[in-house]
Amino acid sequence: MMIFGLILCGVLLNAAAQLLLKAGMTQIGHFEFSLANAMPIGMKIMVNFPIISGLCLYVMSVVVWLLVLSRVQVSFAYPMLSIGYIVNALAAYYLFGEPLTSLRLLGIFVIIAGVYLVAQGH
């Protein structure tokens, strides 16, 4: 049962990292990729607290993931990462007002079914 806790911890760290990266980029705003923008946008990214926090959480999620991979088969562990899609879809709906359409909800239920099936084989 501890392995599921580690997997969930890694998934939640990764999901939180993605949400913080999105929050940071929302603060920075849309920009065009160009050589002239490289330095000004790079500086904004380097000092943006949500982005720095998101990157730190992402590194922590990688460390947890390495612990997971040292304990279980990758063919079991990797599909469990799809739980992050569910967490991010729901969190993005509540935090950023992103749409949660019936098609996305159907996708979430398909992911839940898939994770359940993969977990049954463990």
PDB file of N, CA and C in Angstrom:
ATOM      1  N   MET A   1       0.816  -1.201   0.000  1.00  0.00           N
ATOM      2  CA  MET A   1       0.000   0.000   0.000  1.00  0.00           C
ATOM      3  C   MET A   1       0.860   1.265   0.000  1.00  0.00           C
ATOM      4  N   MET A   2       2.084   1.174   0.544  1.00  0.00           N
ATOM      5  CA  MET A   2       2.965   2.333   0.564  1.00  0.00           C
ATOM      6  C   MET A   2       3.303   2.820  -0.845  1.00  0.00           C
ATOM      7  N   ILE A   3       3.386   1.894  -1.788  1.00  0.00           N
ATOM      8  CA  ILE A   3       3.733   2.286  -3.150  1.00  0.00           C
ATOM      9  C   ILE A   3       2.661   3.191  -3.745  1.00  0.00           C
ATOM     10  N   PHE A   4       1.386   2.919  -3.434  1.00  0.00           N
ATOM     11  CA  PHE A   4       0.326   3.787  -3.944  1.00  0.00           C
ATOM     12  C   PHE A   4       0.446   5.188  -3.348  1.00  0.00           C
ATOM     13  N   GLY A   5       0.861   5.263  -2.087  1.00  0.00           N
ATOM     14  CA  GLY A   5       1.081   6.560  -1.454  1.00  0.00           C
ATOM     15  C   GLY A   5       2.203   7.328  -2.119  1.00  0.00           C
ATOM     16  N   LEU A   6       3.295   6.631  -2.440  1.00  0.00           N
ATOM     17  CA  LEU A   6       4.412   7.274  -3.147  1.00  0.00           C
ATOM     18  C   LEU A   6       3.988   7.746  -4.529  1.00  0.00           C
ATOM     19  N   ILE A   7       3.258   6.893  -5.238  1.00  0.00           N
ATOM     20  CA  ILE A   7       2.792   7.271  -6.577  1.00  0.00           C
ATOM     21  C   ILE A   7       1.886   8.490  -6.484  1.00  0.00           C
ATOM     22  N   LEU A   8       0.937   8.468  -5.551  1.00  0.00           N
ATOM     23  CA  LEU A   8       0.023   9.595  -5.404  1.00  0.00           C
ATOM     24  C   LEU A   8       0.774  10.862  -5.014  1.00  0.00           C
ATOM     25  N   CYS A   9       1.755  10.737  -4.145  1.00  0.00           N
ATOM     26  CA  CYS A   9       2.574  11.886  -3.755  1.00  0.00           C
ATOM     27  C   CYS A   9       3.276  12.473  -4.977  1.00  0.00           C
ATOM     28  N   GLY A  10       3.886  11.619  -5.784  1.00  0.00           N
ATOM     29  CA  GLY A  10       4.567  12.081  -6.991  1.00  0.00           C
ATOM     30  C   GLY A  10       3.614  12.741  -7.969  1.00  0.00           C
ATOM     31  N   VAL A  11       2.452  12.131  -8.152  1.00  0.00           N
ATOM     32  CA  VAL A  11       1.448  12.681  -9.071  1.00  0.00           C
ATOM     33  C   VAL A  11       0.976  14.047  -8.584  1.00  0.00           C
ATOM     34  N   LEU A  12       0.693  14.170  -7.285  1.00  0.00           N
ATOM     35  CA  LEU A  12       0.208  15.442  -6.750  1.00  0.00           C
ATOM     36  C   LEU A  12       1.282  16.529  -6.790  1.00  0.00           C
ATOM     37  N   LEU A  13       2.526  16.152  -6.536  1.00  0.00           N
ATOM     38  CA  LEU A  13       3.621  17.128  -6.662  1.00  0.00           C
ATOM     39  C   LEU A  13       3.734  17.619  -8.099  1.00  0.00           C
ATOM     40  N   ASN A  14       3.648  16.691  -9.047  1.00  0.00           N
ATOM     41  CA  ASN A  14       3.740  17.056 -10.456  1.00  0.00           C
ATOM     42  C   ASN A  14       2.557  17.932 -10.864  1.00  0.00           C
ATOM     43  N   ALA A  15       1.358  17.569 -10.422  1.00  0.00           N
ATOM     44  CA  ALA A  15       0.172  18.359 -10.760  1.00  0.00           C
ATOM     45  C   ALA A  15       0.278  19.762 -10.178  1.00  0.00           C
ATOM     46  N   ALA A  16       0.702  19.873  -8.930  1.00  0.00           N
ATOM     47  CA  ALA A  16       0.864  21.184  -8.307  1.00  0.00           C
ATOM     48  C   ALA A  16       1.915  21.999  -9.053  1.00  0.00           C
ATOM     49  N   ALA A  17       2.982  21.333  -9.482  1.00  0.00           N
ATOM     50  CA  ALA A  17       4.024  22.021 -10.249  1.00  0.00           C
ATOM     51  C   ALA A  17       3.442  22.600 -11.538  1.00  0.00           C
ATOM     52  N   GLN A  18       2.663  21.811 -12.248  1.00  0.00           N
ATOM     53  CA  GLN A  18       2.076  22.283 -13.502  1.00  0.00           C
ATOM     54  C   GLN A  18       1.132  23.461 -13.269  1.00  0.00           C
ATOM     55  N   LEU A  19       0.359  23.399 -12.196  1.00  0.00           N
ATOM     56  CA  LEU A  19      -0.564  24.489 -11.886  1.00  0.00           C
ATOM     57  C   LEU A  19       0.191  25.767 -11.518  1.00  0.00           C
ATOM     58  N   LEU A  20       1.285  25.632 -10.785  1.00  0.00           N
ATOM     59  CA  LEU A  20       2.100  26.809 -10.462  1.00  0.00           C
ATOM     60  C   LEU A  20       2.773  27.382 -11.711  1.00  0.00           C
ATOM     61  N   LEU A  21       3.240  26.518 -12.601  1.00  0.00           N
ATOM     62  CA  LEU A  21       3.832  26.998 -13.853  1.00  0.00           C
ATOM     63  C   LEU A  21       2.791  27.776 -14.665  1.00  0.00           C
ATOM     64  N   LYS A  22       1.568  27.260 -14.707  1.00  0.00           N
ATOM     65  CA  LYS A  22       0.490  27.956 -15.416  1.00  0.00           C
ATOM     66  C   LYS A  22       0.203  29.300 -14.762  1.00  0.00           C
ATOM     67  N   ALA A  23       0.129  29.328 -13.435  1.00  0.00           N
ATOM     68  CA  ALA A  23      -0.131  30.585 -12.728  1.00  0.00           C
ATOM     69  C   ALA A  23       0.962  31.609 -13.027  1.00  0.00           C
ATOM     70  N   GLY A  24       2.197  31.158 -13.030  1.00  0.00           N
ATOM     71  CA  GLY A  24       3.308  32.059 -13.336  1.00  0.00           C
ATOM     72  C   GLY A  24       3.249  32.591 -14.751  1.00  0.00           C
ATOM     73  N   MET A  25       2.943  31.716 -15.688  1.00  0.00           N
ATOM     74  CA  MET A  25       2.873  32.164 -17.080  1.00  0.00           C
ATOM     75  C   MET A  25       1.652  33.048 -17.323  1.00  0.00           C
ATOM     76  N   THR A  26       0.609  32.867 -16.534  1.00  0.00           N
ATOM     77  CA  THR A  26      -0.543  33.769 -16.632  1.00  0.00           C
ATOM     78  C   THR A  26      -0.123  35.170 -16.192  1.00  0.00           C
ATOM     79  N   GLN A  27       0.722  35.254 -15.162  1.00  0.00           N
ATOM     80  CA  GLN A  27       1.229  36.552 -14.710  1.00  0.00           C
ATOM     81  C   GLN A  27       2.100  37.200 -15.776  1.00  0.00           C
ATOM     82  N   ILE A  28       2.927  36.398 -16.422  1.00  0.00           N
ATOM     83  CA  ILE A  28       3.829  36.941 -17.442  1.00  0.00           C
ATOM     84  C   ILE A  28       3.056  37.316 -18.698  1.00  0.00           C
ATOM     85  N   GLY A  29       2.116  36.488 -19.067  1.00  0.00           N
ATOM     86  CA  GLY A  29       1.289  36.787 -20.234  1.00  0.00           C
ATOM     87  C   GLY A  29       1.830  36.184 -21.514  1.00  0.00           C
ATOM     88  N   HIS A  30       1.052  36.351 -22.554  1.00  0.00           N
ATOM     89  CA  HIS A  30       1.411  35.825 -23.877  1.00  0.00           C
ATOM     90  C   HIS A  30       2.624  36.574 -24.415  1.00  0.00           C
ATOM     91  N   PHE A  31       3.516  35.851 -25.050  1.00  0.00           N
ATOM     92  CA  PHE A  31       4.674  36.492 -25.673  1.00  0.00           C
ATOM     93  C   PHE A  31       5.045  35.735 -26.932  1.00  0.00           C
ATOM     94  N   GLU A  32       5.723  36.413 -27.806  1.00  0.00           N
ATOM     95  CA  GLU A  32       6.178  35.818 -29.059  1.00  0.00           C
ATOM     96  C   GLU A  32       7.597  35.283 -28.867  1.00  0.00           C
ATOM     97  N   PHE A  33       7.856  34.126 -29.461  1.00  0.00           N
ATOM     98  CA  PHE A  33       9.210  33.574 -29.436  1.00  0.00           C
ATOM     99  C   PHE A  33      10.056  34.328 -30.447  1.00  0.00           C
ATOM    100  N   SER A  34      11.039  35.028 -29.934  1.00  0.00           N
ATOM    101  CA  SER A  34      11.975  35.726 -30.814  1.00  0.00           C
ATOM    102  C   SER A  34      13.265  35.951 -30.046  1.00  0.00           C
ATOM    103  N   LEU A  35      14.315  36.185 -30.755  1.00  0.00           N
ATOM    104  CA  LEU A  35      15.607  36.439 -30.126  1.00  0.00           C
ATOM    105  C   LEU A  35      15.544  37.700 -29.268  1.00  0.00           C
ATOM    106  N   ALA A  36      14.799  38.685 -29.728  1.00  0.00           N
ATOM    107  CA  ALA A  36      14.673  39.934 -28.969  1.00  0.00           C
ATOM    108  C   ALA A  36      13.952  39.711 -27.636  1.00  0.00           C
ATOM    109  N   ASN A  37      13.062  38.735 -27.576  1.00  0.00           N
ATOM    110  CA  ASN A  37      12.319  38.446 -26.347  1.00  0.00           C
ATOM    111  C   ASN A  37      13.054  37.511 -25.402  1.00  0.00           C
ATOM    112  N   ALA A  38      14.072  36.842 -25.859  1.00  0.00           N
ATOM    113  CA  ALA A  38      14.730  35.809 -25.062  1.00  0.00           C
ATOM    114  C   ALA A  38      15.196  36.333 -23.704  1.00  0.00           C
ATOM    115  N   MET A  39      15.882  37.431 -23.678  1.00  0.00           N
ATOM    116  CA  MET A  39      16.418  37.959 -22.422  1.00  0.00           C
ATOM    117  C   MET A  39      15.318  38.553 -21.536  1.00  0.00           C
ATOM    118  N   PRO A  40      14.452  39.432 -22.053  1.00  0.00           N
ATOM    119  CA  PRO A  40      13.431  40.002 -21.163  1.00  0.00           C
ATOM    120  C   PRO A  40      12.459  38.949 -20.600  1.00  0.00           C
ATOM    121  N   ILE A  41      12.027  38.033 -21.423  1.00  0.00           N
ATOM    122  CA  ILE A  41      11.102  36.997 -20.949  1.00  0.00           C
ATOM    123  C   ILE A  41      11.838  36.031 -20.017  1.00  0.00           C
ATOM    124  N   GLY A  42      13.067  35.687 -20.371  1.00  0.00           N
ATOM    125  CA  GLY A  42      13.873  34.817 -19.515  1.00  0.00           C
ATOM    126  C   GLY A  42      14.054  35.399 -18.126  1.00  0.00           C
ATOM    127  N   MET A  43      14.279  36.704 -18.052  1.00  0.00           N
ATOM    128  CA  MET A  43      14.440  37.365 -16.746  1.00  0.00           C
ATOM    129  C   MET A  43      13.126  37.349 -15.961  1.00  0.00           C
ATOM    130  N   LYS A  44      12.008  37.576 -16.642  1.00  0.00           N
ATOM    131  CA  LYS A  44      10.709  37.530 -15.965  1.00  0.00           C
ATOM    132  C   LYS A  44      10.439  36.134 -15.410  1.00  0.00           C
ATOM    133  N   ILE A  45      10.794  35.122 -16.185  1.00  0.00           N
ATOM    134  CA  ILE A  45      10.582  33.738 -15.756  1.00  0.00           C
ATOM    135  C   ILE A  45      11.469  33.413 -14.556  1.00  0.00           C
ATOM    136  N   MET A  46      12.717  33.868 -14.595  1.00  0.00           N
ATOM    137  CA  MET A  46      13.676  33.532 -13.542  1.00  0.00           C
ATOM    138  C   MET A  46      13.330  34.141 -12.187  1.00  0.00           C
ATOM    139  N   VAL A  47      12.532  35.209 -12.166  1.00  0.00           N
ATOM    140  CA  VAL A  47      12.199  35.852 -10.894  1.00  0.00           C
ATOM    141  C   VAL A  47      10.727  35.671 -10.516  1.00  0.00           C
ATOM    142  N   ASN A  48       9.999  34.891 -11.281  1.00  0.00           N
ATOM    143  CA  ASN A  48       8.583  34.685 -11.019  1.00  0.00           C
ATOM    144  C   ASN A  48       8.409  33.604  -9.956  1.00  0.00           C
ATOM    145  N   PHE A  49       7.839  33.978  -8.801  1.00  0.00           N
ATOM    146  CA  PHE A  49       7.730  33.045  -7.680  1.00  0.00           C
ATOM    147  C   PHE A  49       6.933  31.779  -8.017  1.00  0.00           C
ATOM    148  N   PRO A  50       5.758  31.880  -8.647  1.00  0.00           N
ATOM    149  CA  PRO A  50       5.045  30.635  -8.985  1.00  0.00           C
ATOM    150  C   PRO A  50       5.848  29.712  -9.905  1.00  0.00           C
ATOM    151  N   ILE A  51       6.575  30.268 -10.838  1.00  0.00           N
ATOM    152  CA  ILE A  51       7.371  29.436 -11.745  1.00  0.00           C
ATOM    153  C   ILE A  51       8.520  28.777 -10.990  1.00  0.00           C
ATOM    154  N   ILE A  52       9.228  29.534 -10.176  1.00  0.00           N
ATOM    155  CA  ILE A  52      10.325  28.960  -9.387  1.00  0.00           C
ATOM    156  C   ILE A  52       9.779  27.874  -8.456  1.00  0.00           C
ATOM    157  N   SER A  53       8.649  28.147  -7.813  1.00  0.00           N
ATOM    158  CA  SER A  53       8.032  27.152  -6.925  1.00  0.00           C
ATOM    159  C   SER A  53       7.616  25.912  -7.698  1.00  0.00           C
ATOM    160  N   GLY A  54       7.021  26.122  -8.867  1.00  0.00           N
ATOM    161  CA  GLY A  54       6.604  24.998  -9.706  1.00  0.00           C
ATOM    162  C   GLY A  54       7.785  24.139 -10.129  1.00  0.00           C
ATOM    163  N   LEU A  55       8.883  24.760 -10.486  1.00  0.00           N
ATOM    164  CA  LEU A  55      10.075  24.003 -10.873  1.00  0.00           C
ATOM    165  C   LEU A  55      10.634  23.206  -9.691  1.00  0.00           C
ATOM    166  N   CYS A  56      10.602  23.798  -8.511  1.00  0.00           N
ATOM    167  CA  CYS A  56      11.065  23.080  -7.312  1.00  0.00           C
ATOM    168  C   CYS A  56      10.184  21.866  -7.030  1.00  0.00           C
ATOM    169  N   LEU A  57       8.866  22.042  -7.139  1.00  0.00           N
ATOM    170  CA  LEU A  57       7.959  20.909  -6.929  1.00  0.00           C
ATOM    171  C   LEU A  57       8.159  19.842  -7.996  1.00  0.00           C
ATOM    172  N   TYR A  58       8.440  20.283  -9.202  1.00  0.00           N
ATOM    173  CA  TYR A  58       8.687  19.324 -10.281  1.00  0.00           C
ATOM    174  C   TYR A  58       9.921  18.473  -9.969  1.00  0.00           C
ATOM    175  N   VAL A  59      10.977  19.100  -9.491  1.00  0.00           N
ATOM    176  CA  VAL A  59      12.185  18.355  -9.106  1.00  0.00           C
ATOM    177  C   VAL A  59      11.855  17.364  -7.992  1.00  0.00           C
ATOM    178  N   MET A  60      11.065  17.810  -7.014  1.00  0.00           N
ATOM    179  CA  MET A  60      10.669  16.907  -5.924  1.00  0.00           C
ATOM    180  C   MET A  60       9.861  15.728  -6.465  1.00  0.00           C
ATOM    181  N   SER A  61       9.005  15.989  -7.447  1.00  0.00           N
ATOM    182  CA  SER A  61       8.208  14.899  -8.016  1.00  0.00           C
ATOM    183  C   SER A  61       9.094  13.888  -8.732  1.00  0.00           C
ATOM    184  N   VAL A  62      10.160  14.362  -9.357  1.00  0.00           N
ATOM    185  CA  VAL A  62      11.107  13.452 -10.023  1.00  0.00           C
ATOM    186  C   VAL A  62      11.803  12.568  -8.988  1.00  0.00           C
ATOM    187  N   VAL A  63      12.191  13.142  -7.857  1.00  0.00           N
ATOM    188  CA  VAL A  63      12.830  12.354  -6.795  1.00  0.00           C
ATOM    189  C   VAL A  63      11.877  11.273  -6.294  1.00  0.00           C
ATOM    190  N   VAL A  64      10.630  11.646  -6.062  1.00  0.00           N
ATOM    191  CA  VAL A  64       9.637  10.661  -5.623  1.00  0.00           C
ATOM    192  C   VAL A  64       9.442   9.603  -6.702  1.00  0.00           C
ATOM    193  N   TRP A  65       9.414  10.029  -7.959  1.00  0.00           N
ATOM    194  CA  TRP A  65       9.237   9.081  -9.063  1.00  0.00           C
ATOM    195  C   TRP A  65      10.390   8.077  -9.125  1.00  0.00           C
ATOM    196  N   LEU A  66      11.594   8.531  -8.859  1.00  0.00           N
ATOM    197  CA  LEU A  66      12.737   7.617  -8.834  1.00  0.00           C
ATOM    198  C   LEU A  66      12.571   6.578  -7.729  1.00  0.00           C
ATOM    199  N   LEU A  67      12.035   6.998  -6.580  1.00  0.00           N
ATOM    200  CA  LEU A  67      11.734   6.044  -5.507  1.00  0.00           C
ATOM    201  C   LEU A  67      10.711   5.012  -5.975  1.00  0.00           C
ATOM    202  N   VAL A  68       9.681   5.487  -6.664  1.00  0.00           N
ATOM    203  CA  VAL A  68       8.648   4.578  -7.179  1.00  0.00           C
ATOM    204  C   VAL A  68       9.264   3.576  -8.138  1.00  0.00           C
ATOM    205  N   LEU A  69      10.058   4.071  -9.081  1.00  0.00           N
ATOM    206  CA  LEU A  69      10.635   3.184 -10.100  1.00  0.00           C
ATOM    207  C   LEU A  69      11.613   2.179  -9.505  1.00  0.00           C
ATOM    208  N   SER A  70      12.153   2.494  -8.343  1.00  0.00           N
ATOM    209  CA  SER A  70      13.056   1.538  -7.698  1.00  0.00           C
ATOM    210  C   SER A  70      12.284   0.405  -7.030  1.00  0.00           C
ATOM    211  N   ARG A  71      10.964   0.546  -6.945  1.00  0.00           N
ATOM    212  CA  ARG A  71      10.158  -0.431  -6.222  1.00  0.00           C
ATOM    213  C   ARG A  71       9.175  -1.232  -7.080  1.00  0.00           C
ATOM    214  N   VAL A  72       8.737  -0.654  -8.209  1.00  0.00           N
ATOM    215  CA  VAL A  72       7.735  -1.352  -9.028  1.00  0.00           C
ATOM    216  C   VAL A  72       8.115  -1.304 -10.501  1.00  0.00           C
ATOM    217  N   GLN A  73       7.428  -2.113 -11.272  1.00  0.00           N
ATOM    218  CA  GLN A  73       7.652  -2.145 -12.722  1.00  0.00           C
ATOM    219  C   GLN A  73       7.141  -0.854 -13.344  1.00  0.00           C
ATOM    220  N   VAL A  74       7.868  -0.360 -14.325  1.00  0.00           N
ATOM    221  CA  VAL A  74       7.466   0.862 -15.006  1.00  0.00           C
ATOM    222  C   VAL A  74       6.137   0.668 -15.742  1.00  0.00           C
ATOM    223  N   SER A  75       5.856  -0.551 -16.187  1.00  0.00           N
ATOM    224  CA  SER A  75       4.592  -0.814 -16.883  1.00  0.00           C
ATOM    225  C   SER A  75       3.389  -0.687 -15.953  1.00  0.00           C
ATOM    226  N   PHE A  76       3.621  -0.774 -14.650  1.00  0.00           N
ATOM    227  CA  PHE A  76       2.565  -0.518 -13.666  1.00  0.00           C
ATOM    228  C   PHE A  76       2.561   0.960 -13.271  1.00  0.00           C
ATOM    229  N   ALA A  77       3.731   1.495 -12.978  1.00  0.00           N
ATOM    230  CA  ALA A  77       3.823   2.846 -12.419  1.00  0.00           C
ATOM    231  C   ALA A  77       3.446   3.931 -13.424  1.00  0.00           C
ATOM    232  N   TYR A  78       3.929   3.811 -14.639  1.00  0.00           N
ATOM    233  CA  TYR A  78       3.745   4.898 -15.601  1.00  0.00           C
ATOM    234  C   TYR A  78       2.276   5.215 -15.886  1.00  0.00           C
ATOM    235  N   PRO A  79       1.422   4.225 -16.088  1.00  0.00           N
ATOM    236  CA  PRO A  79      -0.003   4.559 -16.304  1.00  0.00           C
ATOM    237  C   PRO A  79      -0.634   5.307 -15.132  1.00  0.00           C
ATOM    238  N   MET A  80      -0.086   5.131 -13.935  1.00  0.00           N
ATOM    239  CA  MET A  80      -0.634   5.821 -12.772  1.00  0.00           C
ATOM    240  C   MET A  80      -0.436   7.344 -12.858  1.00  0.00           C
ATOM    241  N   LEU A  81       0.535   7.765 -13.664  1.00  0.00           N
ATOM    242  CA  LEU A  81       0.748   9.202 -13.845  1.00  0.00           C
ATOM    243  C   LEU A  81      -0.459   9.881 -14.466  1.00  0.00           C
ATOM    244  N   SER A  82      -1.300   9.113 -15.138  1.00  0.00           N
ATOM    245  CA  SER A  82      -2.475   9.709 -15.770  1.00  0.00           C
ATOM    246  C   SER A  82      -3.467  10.253 -14.741  1.00  0.00           C
ATOM    247  N   ILE A  83      -3.311   9.872 -13.486  1.00  0.00           N
ATOM    248  CA  ILE A  83      -4.130  10.468 -12.424  1.00  0.00           C
ATOM    249  C   ILE A  83      -3.902  11.980 -12.409  1.00  0.00           C
ATOM    250  N   GLY A  84      -2.714  12.392 -12.791  1.00  0.00           N
ATOM    251  CA  GLY A  84      -2.402  13.820 -12.853  1.00  0.00           C
ATOM    252  C   GLY A  84      -3.296  14.573 -13.823  1.00  0.00           C
ATOM    253  N   TYR A  85      -3.717  13.929 -14.914  1.00  0.00           N
ATOM    254  CA  TYR A  85      -4.632  14.575 -15.858  1.00  0.00           C
ATOM    255  C   TYR A  85      -5.948  14.918 -15.169  1.00  0.00           C
ATOM    256  N   ILE A  86      -6.408  14.010 -14.336  1.00  0.00           N
ATOM    257  CA  ILE A  86      -7.662  14.225 -13.614  1.00  0.00           C
ATOM    258  C   ILE A  86      -7.504  15.385 -12.636  1.00  0.00           C
ATOM    259  N   VAL A  87      -6.438  15.326 -11.843  1.00  0.00           N
ATOM    260  CA  VAL A  87      -6.191  16.367 -10.846  1.00  0.00           C
ATOM    261  C   VAL A  87      -6.063  17.727 -11.522  1.00  0.00           C
ATOM    262  N   ASN A  88      -5.298  17.795 -12.600  1.00  0.00           N
ATOM    263  CA  ASN A  88      -5.091  19.077 -13.273  1.00  0.00           C
ATOM    264  C   ASN A  88      -6.353  19.598 -13.930  1.00  0.00           C
ATOM    265  N   ALA A  89      -7.145  18.727 -14.519  1.00  0.00           N
ATOM    266  CA  ALA A  89      -8.392  19.180 -15.151  1.00  0.00           C
ATOM    267  C   ALA A  89      -9.334  19.784 -14.115  1.00  0.00           C
ATOM    268  N   LEU A  90      -9.476  19.096 -12.984  1.00  0.00           N
ATOM    269  CA  LEU A  90     -10.367  19.601 -11.932  1.00  0.00           C
ATOM    270  C   LEU A  90      -9.819  20.877 -11.301  1.00  0.00           C
ATOM    271  N   ALA A  91      -8.515  20.899 -11.020  1.00  0.00           N
ATOM    272  CA  ALA A  91      -7.908  22.084 -10.407  1.00  0.00           C
ATOM    273  C   ALA A  91      -7.942  23.279 -11.361  1.00  0.00           C
ATOM    274  N   ALA A  92      -7.697  23.055 -12.634  1.00  0.00           N
ATOM    275  CA  ALA A  92      -7.732  24.146 -13.615  1.00  0.00           C
ATOM    276  C   ALA A  92      -9.137  24.730 -13.732  1.00  0.00           C
ATOM    277  N   TYR A  93     -10.128  23.881 -13.594  1.00  0.00           N
ATOM    278  CA  TYR A  93     -11.518  24.343 -13.608  1.00  0.00           C
ATOM    279  C   TYR A  93     -11.767  25.290 -12.429  1.00  0.00           C
ATOM    280  N   TYR A  94     -11.356  24.867 -11.235  1.00  0.00           N
ATOM    281  CA  TYR A  94     -11.600  25.668 -10.036  1.00  0.00           C
ATOM    282  C   TYR A  94     -10.668  26.867  -9.908  1.00  0.00           C
ATOM    283  N   LEU A  95      -9.404  26.713 -10.271  1.00  0.00           N
ATOM    284  CA  LEU A  95      -8.431  27.786 -10.067  1.00  0.00           C
ATOM    285  C   LEU A  95      -8.374  28.801 -11.198  1.00  0.00           C
ATOM    286  N   PHE A  96      -8.519  28.318 -12.434  1.00  0.00           N
ATOM    287  CA  PHE A  96      -8.335  29.195 -13.586  1.00  0.00           C
ATOM    288  C   PHE A  96      -9.593  29.391 -14.409  1.00  0.00           C
ATOM    289  N   GLY A  97     -10.684  28.740 -14.002  1.00  0.00           N
ATOM    290  CA  GLY A  97     -11.930  28.882 -14.755  1.00  0.00           C
ATOM    291  C   GLY A  97     -11.907  28.204 -16.109  1.00  0.00           C
ATOM    292  N   GLU A  98     -11.011  27.225 -16.275  1.00  0.00           N
ATOM    293  CA  GLU A  98     -10.953  26.507 -17.549  1.00  0.00           C
ATOM    294  C   GLU A  98     -12.184  25.618 -17.689  1.00  0.00           C
ATOM    295  N   PRO A  99     -12.665  25.441 -18.915  1.00  0.00           N
ATOM    296  CA  PRO A  99     -13.898  24.662 -19.100  1.00  0.00           C
ATOM    297  C   PRO A  99     -13.716  23.183 -18.752  1.00  0.00           C
ATOM    298  N   LEU A 100     -14.752  22.624 -18.176  1.00  0.00           N
ATOM    299  CA  LEU A 100     -14.792  21.199 -17.873  1.00  0.00           C
ATOM    300  C   LEU A 100     -16.002  20.646 -18.632  1.00  0.00           C
ATOM    301  N   THR A 101     -15.793  20.445 -19.917  1.00  0.00           N
ATOM    302  CA  THR A 101     -16.887  20.048 -20.805  1.00  0.00           C
ATOM    303  C   THR A 101     -17.269  18.586 -20.581  1.00  0.00           C
ATOM    304  N   SER A 102     -18.390  18.199 -21.136  1.00  0.00           N
ATOM    305  CA  SER A 102     -18.835  16.814 -21.003  1.00  0.00           C
ATOM    306  C   SER A 102     -17.838  15.868 -21.667  1.00  0.00           C
ATOM    307  N   LEU A 103     -17.208  16.297 -22.727  1.00  0.00           N
ATOM    308  CA  LEU A 103     -16.199  15.453 -23.384  1.00  0.00           C
ATOM    309  C   LEU A 103     -14.975  15.272 -22.479  1.00  0.00           C
ATOM    310  N   ARG A 104     -14.564  16.319 -21.803  1.00  0.00           N
ATOM    311  CA  ARG A 104     -13.435  16.198 -20.866  1.00  0.00           C
ATOM    312  C   ARG A 104     -13.805  15.303 -19.689  1.00  0.00           C
ATOM    313  N   LEU A 105     -15.040  15.450 -19.202  1.00  0.00           N
ATOM    314  CA  LEU A 105     -15.485  14.588 -18.107  1.00  0.00           C
ATOM    315  C   LEU A 105     -15.510  13.128 -18.539  1.00  0.00           C
ATOM    316  N   LEU A 106     -15.943  12.877 -19.761  1.00  0.00           N
ATOM    317  CA  LEU A 106     -15.927  11.509 -20.284  1.00  0.00           C
ATOM    318  C   LEU A 106     -14.492  10.984 -20.320  1.00  0.00           C
ATOM    319  N   GLY A 107     -13.568  11.817 -20.772  1.00  0.00           N
ATOM    320  CA  GLY A 107     -12.160  11.436 -20.783  1.00  0.00           C
ATOM    321  C   GLY A 107     -11.639  11.116 -19.394  1.00  0.00           C
ATOM    322  N   ILE A 108     -12.050  11.905 -18.411  1.00  0.00           N
ATOM    323  CA  ILE A 108     -11.640  11.661 -17.026  1.00  0.00           C
ATOM    324  C   ILE A 108     -12.143  10.299 -16.560  1.00  0.00           C
ATOM    325  N   PHE A 109     -13.383   9.968 -16.885  1.00  0.00           N
ATOM    326  CA  PHE A 109     -13.923   8.665 -16.477  1.00  0.00           C
ATOM    327  C   PHE A 109     -13.202   7.515 -17.182  1.00  0.00           C
ATOM    328  N   VAL A 110     -12.810   7.718 -18.427  1.00  0.00           N
ATOM    329  CA  VAL A 110     -12.035   6.691 -19.135  1.00  0.00           C
ATOM    330  C   VAL A 110     -10.679   6.504 -18.463  1.00  0.00           C
ATOM    331  N   ILE A 111     -10.040   7.610 -18.067  1.00  0.00           N
ATOM    332  CA  ILE A 111      -8.752   7.530 -17.370  1.00  0.00           C
ATOM    333  C   ILE A 111      -8.919   6.787 -16.049  1.00  0.00           C
ATOM    334  N   ILE A 112      -9.967   7.128 -15.297  1.00  0.00           N
ATOM    335  CA  ILE A 112     -10.210   6.446 -14.016  1.00  0.00           C
ATOM    336  C   ILE A 112     -10.368   4.944 -14.241  1.00  0.00           C
ATOM    337  N   ALA A 113     -11.105   4.573 -15.269  1.00  0.00           N
ATOM    338  CA  ALA A 113     -11.297   3.145 -15.572  1.00  0.00           C
ATOM    339  C   ALA A 113      -9.965   2.494 -15.921  1.00  0.00           C
ATOM    340  N   GLY A 114      -9.158   3.175 -16.709  1.00  0.00           N
ATOM    341  CA  GLY A 114      -7.860   2.629 -17.087  1.00  0.00           C
ATOM    342  C   GLY A 114      -6.923   2.461 -15.908  1.00  0.00           C
ATOM    343  N   VAL A 115      -6.880   3.456 -15.037  1.00  0.00           N
ATOM    344  CA  VAL A 115      -6.034   3.359 -13.848  1.00  0.00           C
ATOM    345  C   VAL A 115      -6.517   2.199 -12.956  1.00  0.00           C
ATOM    346  N   TYR A 116      -7.806   2.073 -12.824  1.00  0.00           N
ATOM    347  CA  TYR A 116      -8.363   0.979 -12.026  1.00  0.00           C
ATOM    348  C   TYR A 116      -7.935  -0.374 -12.602  1.00  0.00           C
ATOM    349  N   LEU A 117      -8.038  -0.525 -13.911  1.00  0.00           N
ATOM    350  CA  LEU A 117      -7.665  -1.789 -14.546  1.00  0.00           C
ATOM    351  C   LEU A 117      -6.181  -2.086 -14.376  1.00  0.00           C
ATOM    352  N   VAL A 118      -5.347  -1.097 -14.542  1.00  0.00           N
ATOM    353  CA  VAL A 118      -3.903  -1.296 -14.372  1.00  0.00           C
ATOM    354  C   VAL A 118      -3.596  -1.675 -12.925  1.00  0.00           C
ATOM    355  N   ALA A 119      -4.263  -1.017 -11.982  1.00  0.00           N
ATOM    356  CA  ALA A 119      -4.021  -1.287 -10.571  1.00  0.00           C
ATOM    357  C   ALA A 119      -4.453  -2.702 -10.186  1.00  0.00           C
ATOM    358  N   GLN A 120      -5.455  -3.232 -10.865  1.00  0.00           N
ATOM    359  CA  GLN A 120      -5.932  -4.587 -10.552  1.00  0.00           C
ATOM    360  C   GLN A 120      -4.881  -5.638 -10.879  1.00  0.00           C
ATOM    361  N   GLY A 121      -4.023  -5.343 -11.821  1.00  0.00           N
ATOM    362  CA  GLY A 121      -2.984  -6.301 -12.200  1.00  0.00           C
ATOM    363  C   GLY A 121      -1.783  -6.291 -11.284  1.00  0.00           C
ATOM    364  N   HIS A 122      -1.810  -5.436 -10.277  1.00  0.00           N
ATOM    365  CA  HIS A 122      -0.640  -5.325  -9.383  1.00  0.00           C
ATOM    366  C   HIS A 122      -0.818  -6.135  -8.131  1.00  0.00           C
TER     367      HIS A 122
END
